[in-house]
Protein backbone atom coordinates (compact mmCIF):
# COMPACT_ATOMS: atom_id res chain seq x y z
CA MET A 1 -0.05 -0.12 -0.01
CA ILE A 2 2.97 2.45 0.74
CA LEU A 3 4.14 1.82 -2.80
CA PHE A 4 0.76 2.74 -3.97
CA GLU A 5 0.48 5.91 -2.14
CA ARG A 6 3.70 7.23 -3.45
CA ILE A 7 2.66 6.55 -7.00
CA ASN A 8 -0.48 8.55 -6.61
CA GLU A 9 1.15 11.44 -4.82
CA ASP A 10 3.82 11.71 -7.46
CA ASN A 11 1.67 11.04 -10.35
CA ASN A 12 -1.85 12.35 -9.90
CA ASN A 13 -2.33 13.06 -13.56
CA THR A 14 -1.05 9.67 -14.74
CA ASP A 15 -2.94 7.48 -16.99
CA GLY A 16 -5.05 4.98 -14.45
CA ARG A 17 -3.51 2.35 -16.66
CA VAL A 18 -0.50 2.65 -14.52
CA ASN A 19 -2.15 1.89 -11.43
CA SER A 20 -3.80 -1.13 -13.22
CA GLN A 21 -0.66 -2.40 -14.16
CA LEU A 22 1.08 -2.09 -10.74
CA THR A 23 -2.24 -3.98 -9.57
CA SER A 24 -1.90 -6.88 -11.86
CA ASP A 25 1.94 -7.29 -10.93
CA LYS A 26 1.21 -7.04 -7.19
CA ALA A 27 -1.31 -10.11 -7.59
CA GLU A 28 0.95 -11.94 -9.80
CA ALA A 29 3.65 -11.51 -7.15
CA ASN A 30 1.16 -12.63 -4.33
CA GLN A 31 0.02 -15.59 -6.31
CA ASN A 32 3.79 -16.81 -6.82
CA GLY A 33 4.08 -16.62 -3.11
CA ASP A 34 6.82 -15.32 -0.79
CA ASN A 35 9.46 -18.44 -0.80
CA MET A 36 10.52 -17.31 -4.49
CA ILE A 37 14.12 -17.24 -4.73
CA MET A 38 15.45 -13.65 -6.14
CA SER A 39 18.74 -13.06 -7.79
CA ASP A 40 18.72 -9.34 -8.89
CA PRO A 41 21.76 -8.13 -7.64
CA LYS A 42 20.21 -4.52 -7.43
CA ASN A 43 17.98 -5.75 -4.58
CA GLY A 44 20.85 -7.34 -2.63
CA PHE A 45 19.85 -11.09 -3.15
CA GLU A 46 22.46 -13.41 -3.81
CA ASN A 47 23.02 -17.18 -4.73
CA PRO A 48 23.24 -19.03 -1.45
CA ALA A 49 25.60 -21.44 -3.56
CA SER A 50 28.16 -18.52 -3.94
CA HIS A 51 28.91 -18.61 -0.32
CA SER A 52 31.50 -21.24 1.63
CA ILE A 53 28.38 -20.28 4.37
CA PRO A 54 25.57 -19.79 2.05
CA LYS A 55 23.19 -16.98 2.55
CA PRO A 56 19.36 -17.71 2.33
CA ALA A 57 17.92 -16.96 -0.91
CA ASN A 58 15.71 -14.32 0.55
CA ALA A 59 17.73 -12.54 3.03
CA ILE A 60 14.69 -10.72 4.71
CA GLY A 61 13.79 -13.80 6.13
CA SER A 62 10.41 -14.58 4.73
CA ALA A 63 10.87 -18.09 4.80
CA ALA A 64 11.76 -18.10 8.39
CA ASN A 65 8.73 -16.11 9.78
CA ASN A 66 6.20 -16.74 6.59
CA GLN A 67 5.13 -13.08 6.75
CA PRO A 68 3.28 -12.05 3.41
CA PRO A 69 5.56 -9.98 0.94
CA GLN A 70 4.06 -6.54 1.69
CA GLN A 71 5.06 -7.05 5.41
CA GLN A 72 8.62 -8.38 4.91
CA GLN A 73 10.03 -4.84 4.37
CA ALA A 74 9.79 -4.21 8.35
CA ASN A 75 12.41 -7.25 8.40
CA VAL A 76 15.26 -6.31 6.17
CA PRO A 77 18.55 -6.94 7.82
CA GLN A 78 19.53 -3.33 8.50
CA PRO A 79 19.42 -1.22 11.74
CA GLN A 80 15.92 0.33 11.81
CA VAL A 81 15.74 3.86 12.78
CA ASN A 82 11.97 3.91 14.26
CA GLY A 83 9.28 1.41 14.55
CA PRO A 84 9.04 -1.84 16.75
CA TYR A 85 11.49 -3.73 14.60
CA ASN A 86 14.58 -1.76 15.73
CA ARG A 87 17.08 -4.37 15.59
CA ALA A 88 19.92 -5.36 13.43
CA VAL A 89 20.21 -8.68 11.93
CA GLY A 90 22.05 -11.05 9.79
CA GLU A 91 25.27 -9.33 8.18
CA ALA A 92 24.80 -6.44 9.97
CA VAL A 93 25.97 -8.21 13.36
CA MET A 94 27.25 -11.38 12.14
CA THR A 95 31.04 -11.87 13.31
CA GLN A 96 33.18 -14.30 11.58
CA GLN A 97 33.57 -16.25 14.42
CA PHE A 98 29.90 -16.87 14.25
CA LYS A 99 30.24 -17.69 10.61
CA ASP A 100 32.92 -20.28 11.36
CA ILE A 101 31.14 -21.99 14.30
CA ILE A 102 28.18 -22.38 12.31
CA SER A 103 30.16 -23.90 9.21
CA GLU A 104 31.17 -26.42 11.70
CA HIS A 105 28.54 -27.51 13.47
CA MET A 106 25.25 -26.49 11.78
CA ASP A 107 23.79 -27.84 8.78
CA ILE A 108 24.11 -24.84 6.44
CA THR A 109 22.67 -26.91 3.42
CA ASP A 110 19.44 -26.81 5.17
CA TYR A 111 17.42 -23.95 3.78
CA LYS A 112 15.49 -23.55 6.83
CA THR A 113 18.61 -23.41 8.80
CA ILE A 114 20.68 -20.94 7.10
CA THR A 115 17.66 -18.71 6.31
CA ARG A 116 16.85 -18.40 10.00
CA LEU A 117 20.77 -18.18 11.06
CA TYR A 118 20.91 -15.36 8.74
CA ASN A 119 17.99 -13.24 10.29
CA LEU A 120 19.34 -13.40 14.01
CA ASP A 121 20.04 -10.36 15.98
CA GLU A 122 23.04 -10.32 18.17
CA ALA A 123 21.36 -11.52 21.53
CA GLU A 124 19.57 -14.51 19.49
CA GLN A 125 22.94 -15.41 17.67
CA ASN A 126 24.50 -15.73 21.36
CA THR A 127 21.39 -17.73 22.66
CA ALA A 128 22.04 -20.22 19.37
CA LEU A 129 25.65 -20.44 20.32
CA LEU A 130 24.97 -21.24 24.08
CA SER A 131 22.43 -23.63 23.06
CA LEU A 132 24.41 -25.24 20.67
CA THR A 133 27.31 -25.39 23.06
CA ASN A 134 24.77 -27.43 25.75
CA ARG A 135 23.53 -29.41 23.03
CA LEU A 136 27.16 -30.72 22.17
CA TYR A 137 28.29 -31.04 25.81
CA GLN A 138 24.92 -33.17 26.58
CA MET A 139 26.71 -35.80 24.89
CA ILE A 140 29.73 -35.69 26.88
CA VAL A 141 27.34 -35.61 30.18
CA ASN A 142 25.55 -38.83 29.01
CA LYS A 143 28.92 -40.69 29.38
CA ILE A 144 30.92 -38.92 32.09
CA ASP A 145 29.74 -41.04 34.99
CA THR A 146 29.78 -44.53 33.48
CA PHE A 147 33.49 -45.03 33.62
CA ASP A 148 35.67 -45.03 36.61
CA LYS A 149 37.83 -42.18 37.44
CA GLY A 150 39.32 -43.19 40.97
CA ASP A 151 40.33 -40.64 43.49
CA ILE A 152 40.56 -38.00 40.91
CA ALA A 153 37.00 -36.00 42.03
CA HIS A 154 38.12 -36.37 45.44
CA THR A 155 40.93 -34.14 44.74
CA LYS A 156 38.85 -30.92 43.56
CA GLY A 157 40.92 -29.77 40.92
CA ASP A 158 44.41 -30.39 42.72
CA ILE A 159 46.53 -33.37 41.02
CA THR A 160 49.11 -33.43 43.61
CA LYS A 161 46.49 -34.61 46.23
CA LEU A 162 46.26 -37.86 44.22
CA PRO A 163 47.33 -40.93 46.29
CA LYS A 164 49.49 -41.81 43.28
CA TYR A 165 50.55 -38.66 42.36
CA LYS A 166 54.52 -39.27 43.21
CA ASP A 167 54.51 -42.27 41.77
CA LEU A 168 52.74 -41.13 38.37
CA CYS A 169 55.34 -38.78 38.37
CA GLU A 170 58.20 -41.27 38.71
CA CYS A 171 57.20 -43.26 36.27
CA VAL A 172 57.41 -40.56 33.77
CA ALA A 173 60.97 -39.74 34.88
CA VAL A 174 62.02 -43.51 34.42
CA LEU A 175 60.38 -43.63 30.94
CA MET A 176 62.29 -40.46 30.04
CA GLY A 177 65.37 -42.12 31.31
CA ILE A 178 64.72 -45.29 29.14
CA PHE A 179 63.90 -43.35 26.10
CA GLU A 180 67.17 -41.68 26.42
CA LYS A 181 68.94 -44.73 27.06
CA TYR A 182 67.72 -46.12 23.61
CA HIS A 183 68.51 -42.75 21.67
CA GLU A 184 64.37 -42.64 21.16
CA ASP A 185 62.88 -39.33 20.62
CA THR A 186 61.46 -38.30 24.20
CA LYS A 187 58.53 -36.25 22.85
CA PRO A 188 55.86 -38.43 23.81
CA VAL A 189 56.88 -38.78 27.32
CA GLN A 190 57.35 -35.12 27.43
CA GLU A 191 54.05 -33.95 25.97
CA ILE A 192 52.54 -36.43 29.11
CA SER A 193 54.83 -34.65 31.39
CA ASN A 194 53.77 -31.12 30.34
CA ALA A 195 50.00 -32.12 30.57
CA ILE A 196 50.69 -32.99 33.97
CA SER A 197 52.43 -29.91 34.72
CA ASN A 198 49.69 -28.04 33.12
CA ILE A 199 47.17 -29.69 35.31
CA GLU A 200 48.87 -28.74 38.36
CA ASN A 201 49.66 -25.03 36.91
CA LEU A 202 45.80 -24.69 36.50
CA ASP A 203 45.24 -26.00 40.03
CA ASP A 204 43.51 -22.61 40.55
CA VAL A 205 41.15 -22.50 37.96
CA PHE A 206 40.05 -26.03 38.40
CA THR A 207 39.78 -25.64 42.10
CA GLN A 208 37.63 -22.52 41.62
CA SER A 209 35.50 -24.63 39.18
CA TYR A 210 34.75 -27.29 41.96
CA MET A 211 33.82 -24.23 44.42
CA ALA A 212 31.87 -22.43 42.03
CA LYS A 213 30.27 -25.76 40.40
CA VAL A 214 31.12 -25.11 36.97
CA ASP A 215 30.50 -28.36 35.53
CA PHE A 216 32.94 -27.80 32.43
CA GLY A 217 35.78 -27.25 34.41
CA GLN A 218 35.23 -30.08 36.28
CA VAL A 219 34.98 -32.59 33.64
CA MET A 220 37.99 -30.75 32.13
CA TYR A 221 40.19 -31.86 34.79
CA GLU A 222 38.96 -35.42 35.74
CA THR A 223 39.08 -36.17 32.27
CA MET A 224 42.57 -34.57 31.12
CA THR A 225 44.22 -36.09 34.54
CA LEU A 226 42.45 -39.71 33.63
CA ALA A 227 44.29 -39.29 30.23
CA CYS A 228 47.58 -38.67 31.64
CA ILE A 229 47.16 -41.43 34.21
CA SER A 230 46.08 -43.71 31.43
CA SER A 231 48.62 -42.76 28.82
CA VAL A 232 51.40 -43.42 30.82
CA SER A 233 50.05 -47.01 31.58
CA TYR A 234 49.82 -47.21 27.78
CA MET A 235 53.04 -45.93 26.94
CA ILE A 236 54.45 -48.53 29.45
CA ALA A 237 52.44 -51.34 28.09
CA ALA A 238 53.35 -50.67 24.66
CA CYS A 239 57.21 -49.39 24.56
CA ILE A 240 58.30 -51.74 27.81
CA GLU A 241 59.81 -55.12 27.67
CA TYR A 242 61.09 -57.04 30.66
CA VAL A 243 63.50 -59.56 28.86
CA LYS A 244 66.01 -61.75 30.08
CA ASP A 245 69.78 -60.51 30.20
CA PRO A 246 71.70 -63.64 28.95
CA LYS A 247 74.95 -61.32 30.23
CA LYS A 248 73.41 -60.96 33.99
CA ASP A 249 71.61 -64.02 34.39
CA GLY A 250 68.58 -61.82 35.25
CA LEU A 251 66.02 -59.68 33.60
CA THR A 252 66.45 -56.41 32.19
CA ILE A 253 64.14 -53.51 30.79
CA VAL A 254 64.30 -52.86 27.41
CA LEU A 255 62.43 -50.32 24.87
CA ASP A 256 60.39 -51.60 21.98
CA LYS A 257 60.62 -49.05 19.40
CA THR A 258 57.58 -50.37 17.49
CA GLY A 259 55.45 -49.38 20.37
CA VAL A 260 56.72 -45.79 20.38
CA SER A 261 54.72 -45.38 17.08
CA LYS A 262 51.72 -46.48 18.31
CA VAL A 263 51.55 -44.34 21.26
CA LYS A 264 52.04 -41.35 18.78
CA GLU A 265 48.77 -42.59 17.05
CA HIS A 266 46.76 -43.17 19.96
CA LEU A 267 43.52 -41.12 20.59
CA LEU A 268 44.34 -40.09 24.38
CA TYR A 269 47.86 -39.05 23.19
CA GLU A 270 46.82 -36.86 20.42
CA ASN A 271 44.21 -34.83 22.69
CA ILE A 272 46.81 -34.55 25.37
CA CYS A 273 48.79 -32.62 22.66
CA LYS A 274 45.79 -30.55 22.18
CA PHE A 275 45.49 -29.77 25.72
CA ASN A 276 48.87 -28.79 26.03
CA THR A 277 48.41 -26.20 22.86
CA ALA A 278 44.99 -25.01 24.18
CA CYS A 279 47.12 -24.49 27.67
CA LYS A 280 50.19 -22.60 26.11
CA THR A 281 47.58 -20.45 24.08
CA GLY A 282 45.46 -19.56 27.11
CA ASP A 283 42.26 -20.98 25.93
CA ILE A 284 41.58 -23.00 28.98
CA GLU A 285 42.12 -20.42 31.55
CA ASN A 286 40.05 -18.05 28.86
CA ALA A 287 37.30 -20.47 28.52
CA LEU A 288 36.91 -21.07 32.63
CA ARG A 289 37.41 -18.26 34.36
CA PRO A 290 34.14 -16.28 32.57
CA LEU A 291 32.47 -19.23 33.68
CA ILE A 292 33.55 -19.13 37.11
CA LYS A 293 32.86 -15.44 37.35
CA ALA A 294 29.37 -15.83 36.16
CA ARG A 295 28.63 -18.62 38.47
CA ALA A 296 30.07 -16.58 41.59
CA ARG A 297 27.88 -14.00 40.82
CA ASN A 298 24.80 -16.00 40.98
CA PHE A 299 23.70 -15.28 37.36
CA VAL A 300 20.59 -17.55 36.75
CA GLY A 301 19.12 -18.56 33.30
CA ALA A 302 20.37 -18.05 29.98
CA LEU A 303 19.89 -14.58 29.21
CA GLY A 304 22.07 -13.36 32.34
CA PHE A 305 24.70 -15.96 32.03
CA ILE A 306 24.91 -14.99 28.09
CA LYS A 307 25.87 -11.42 29.01
CA ALA A 308 28.23 -12.41 31.62
CA ALA A 309 30.17 -15.36 29.77
CA ALA A 310 29.63 -14.42 26.09
CA ILE A 311 33.20 -14.54 25.54
CA ALA A 312 33.88 -17.99 26.80
CA ILE A 313 31.29 -20.02 24.78
CA PRO A 314 33.00 -19.80 21.63
CA LEU A 315 36.25 -21.00 23.49
CA VAL A 316 34.15 -23.76 25.32
CA LEU A 317 33.02 -24.96 21.83
CA ALA A 318 36.53 -25.53 20.54
CA LEU A 319 37.15 -27.35 23.44
CA ILE A 320 34.35 -29.76 23.70
CA PRO A 321 35.66 -31.89 20.72
CA MET A 322 38.81 -32.78 23.03
CA ILE A 323 37.08 -33.44 25.85
CA LYS A 324 34.49 -35.55 23.91
CA ASP A 325 37.27 -37.60 22.72
CA VAL A 326 38.88 -38.42 25.84
CA VAL A 327 35.39 -38.97 27.32
CA TYR A 328 34.03 -41.48 24.73
CA TYR A 329 37.55 -43.31 24.91
CA PHE A 330 36.92 -44.06 28.73
CA PHE A 331 33.51 -44.70 28.01
CA ALA A 332 34.46 -47.67 25.35
CA ALA A 333 37.55 -48.48 27.86
CA ARG A 334 35.51 -49.10 31.14
CA GLN A 335 38.55 -49.87 32.73
CA ARG A 336 39.61 -49.30 36.44
CA VAL A 337 42.08 -46.71 37.39
CA SER A 338 43.51 -49.15 39.76
CA VAL A 339 44.52 -51.12 36.69
CA TYR A 340 46.56 -48.30 35.41
CA PHE A 341 48.50 -47.77 38.56
CA ASP A 342 49.22 -51.54 39.12
CA ILE A 343 51.08 -51.24 35.98
CA GLN A 344 53.08 -48.35 36.92
CA GLY A 345 54.04 -49.73 40.22
CA ASP A 346 55.42 -52.79 38.22
CA LEU A 347 57.71 -50.57 36.15
CA LEU A 348 58.98 -48.46 39.34
CA GLU A 349 59.57 -52.38 41.07
CA MET A 350 61.34 -53.35 37.65
CA ASN A 351 63.71 -50.18 37.95
CA ALA A 352 64.45 -50.66 41.46
CA HIS A 353 65.41 -54.27 40.92
CA GLU A 354 67.44 -53.94 38.09
CA LEU A 355 70.97 -56.01 38.62
CA GLU A 356 73.52 -53.35 37.83
CA GLU A 357 74.35 -50.87 40.51
CA ASN A 358 71.94 -52.43 42.62
CA PRO A 359 72.58 -51.84 46.54
CA ASP A 360 70.57 -54.79 47.60
CA ILE A 361 73.02 -57.10 45.93
CA GLN A 362 76.33 -58.10 48.30
CA THR A 363 76.14 -61.78 47.71
CA ASP A 364 75.09 -64.63 45.28
CA GLY A 365 72.36 -65.23 47.43
CA ASP A 366 70.98 -61.39 47.35
CA ARG A 367 71.45 -61.83 43.68
CA LYS A 368 69.13 -64.77 43.50
CA THR A 369 66.70 -63.17 45.69
CA VAL A 370 66.51 -60.30 43.35
CA ILE A 371 66.13 -62.24 40.26
CA ARG A 372 63.51 -64.14 41.93
CA LYS A 373 61.61 -61.00 42.71
CA GLN A 374 62.16 -60.09 39.03
CA ILE A 375 60.32 -62.94 37.86
CA ALA A 376 57.32 -62.40 39.92
CA ILE A 377 57.37 -58.49 38.43
CA ALA A 378 57.77 -59.72 34.95
CA ASN A 379 54.80 -62.35 35.11
CA SER A 380 52.66 -59.79 36.58
CA PHE A 381 53.70 -56.95 34.21
CA HIS A 382 53.27 -58.99 31.33
CA LYS A 383 49.85 -60.14 32.28
CA ILE A 384 48.55 -56.59 32.96
CA ALA A 385 50.44 -55.07 29.73
CA ASP A 386 49.07 -57.43 27.16
CA LYS A 387 45.77 -56.72 28.82
CA LEU A 388 45.65 -53.12 28.36
CA ALA A 389 47.57 -52.84 24.86
CA VAL A 390 44.71 -55.11 23.63
CA GLU A 391 41.98 -53.14 25.53
CA ALA A 392 43.19 -49.75 24.46
CA ARG A 393 43.19 -50.60 20.76
CA THR A 394 39.53 -52.32 21.03
CA ALA A 395 38.29 -48.72 22.99
CA GLU A 396 40.25 -46.49 20.63
CA ASN A 397 38.13 -48.24 17.63
CA LYS A 398 34.76 -48.26 19.54
CA ALA A 399 35.16 -44.70 20.48
CA THR A 400 36.22 -43.56 17.02
CA THR A 401 33.10 -45.16 15.49
CA GLU A 402 30.92 -43.57 18.28
CA ILE A 403 32.57 -40.03 17.96
CA LYS A 404 31.89 -40.07 13.99
CA LYS A 405 28.27 -41.29 14.48
CA ASP A 406 27.57 -38.52 17.14
CA ASP A 407 29.12 -35.76 14.92
CA LYS A 408 26.16 -34.71 12.76
CA LYS A 409 25.30 -31.55 11.68
CA GLN A 410 22.79 -29.73 13.78
CA LYS A 411 19.44 -27.76 12.49
CA ILE A 412 18.09 -24.59 13.53
CA ASP A 413 15.21 -26.66 15.30
CA ASP A 414 17.55 -28.53 17.34
CA ILE A 415 18.88 -25.42 19.10
CA ASP A 416 17.26 -22.56 21.06
CA THR A 417 17.61 -18.90 19.93
CA ASP A 418 15.08 -17.32 22.14
CA PRO A 419 17.27 -15.02 24.77
CA SER A 420 14.24 -15.05 27.21
CA SER A 421 14.79 -18.92 27.43
CA SER A 422 15.05 -20.21 31.20
CA ASP A 423 16.94 -23.09 30.02
CA GLY A 424 20.19 -22.73 31.95
CA PRO A 425 23.72 -23.59 30.52
CA LEU A 426 24.82 -27.35 31.63
CA PHE A 427 28.51 -25.98 31.68
């Protein structure tokens, strides 16, 4: 109607045939419907196939709200000066970070999804990111309590309080010495050592996560600590052999170099490396501190939490795949933590009972006693090591299959975009 009034005002003396033609054109447009794809560059509409993140065919969102064409002008994605639709949407407020996230996690080939995403204002985009994060994190939550984490949760963020913490660190030192003795690259051992150090250095953030009840921080601490414990044990199982030394009539520790490549390709080791990188760049701390602060200020509901922790949501989204890999692995392994520590204890005993430079050996009788202990340790060690190595490969295969199955793209109806939603964040 606005169009007709302007034409009547500017062309009072125009032949009535003009208005008749306009009326005919409008009727034809109504008959074709409001879902027609426009490609006239003068109107700012573009082919969605021309973008890595396709824009909707109708950028003003008629497909999203099903409004008739004559009312769509109010939803043009530009800041409005007056009126009830005073908001900026689409490209006006869409950051590159938001585009990257929806490209990775959302089904942008779905017309309804991409159209709705391009018609969200800033608050709605933040809500969408929070909802997406919650949905992906829920997959972790569903599995986190299904496997044994030993005493890790009781330490509440301080890894040094683990009953076997000193043994864990001593095992890493022994492994480092063995790798050096056989002139093997120590990087795999160093990565695990760095991860343990990073967890210890982040004790302030992790302990505050327990105090403020930030679930994401607690899950990260527990899973990455367990990943370090398990990785040390898997490295022992895959790389260490306890074999007879013909020169000394006893047993000695040797390095199986073929096992080193297995460690480097293992799912846990790969994510330990990612964890170390995230610690180095500050992503871990930058993701957790805003969540802790938001919880400490008692923000309730999604809207208040988004405002307080909006900067953390993209970082949390980036870290979720790392945590998911580790959780899915342990869900598939279902191994008791005590087994991991058993093989570490065997390594320490093996190292303590090496015949060379052993202060306990003074006589031939002492030597025979040590050798008998070596044999007993070797029997226990090989039994645990063989079992761990087989179960680790099986668990990794199962976890990889399950991860691929759950890594499907989300559609717009799978997430919430309403900033007034009362659904609080899981993390």
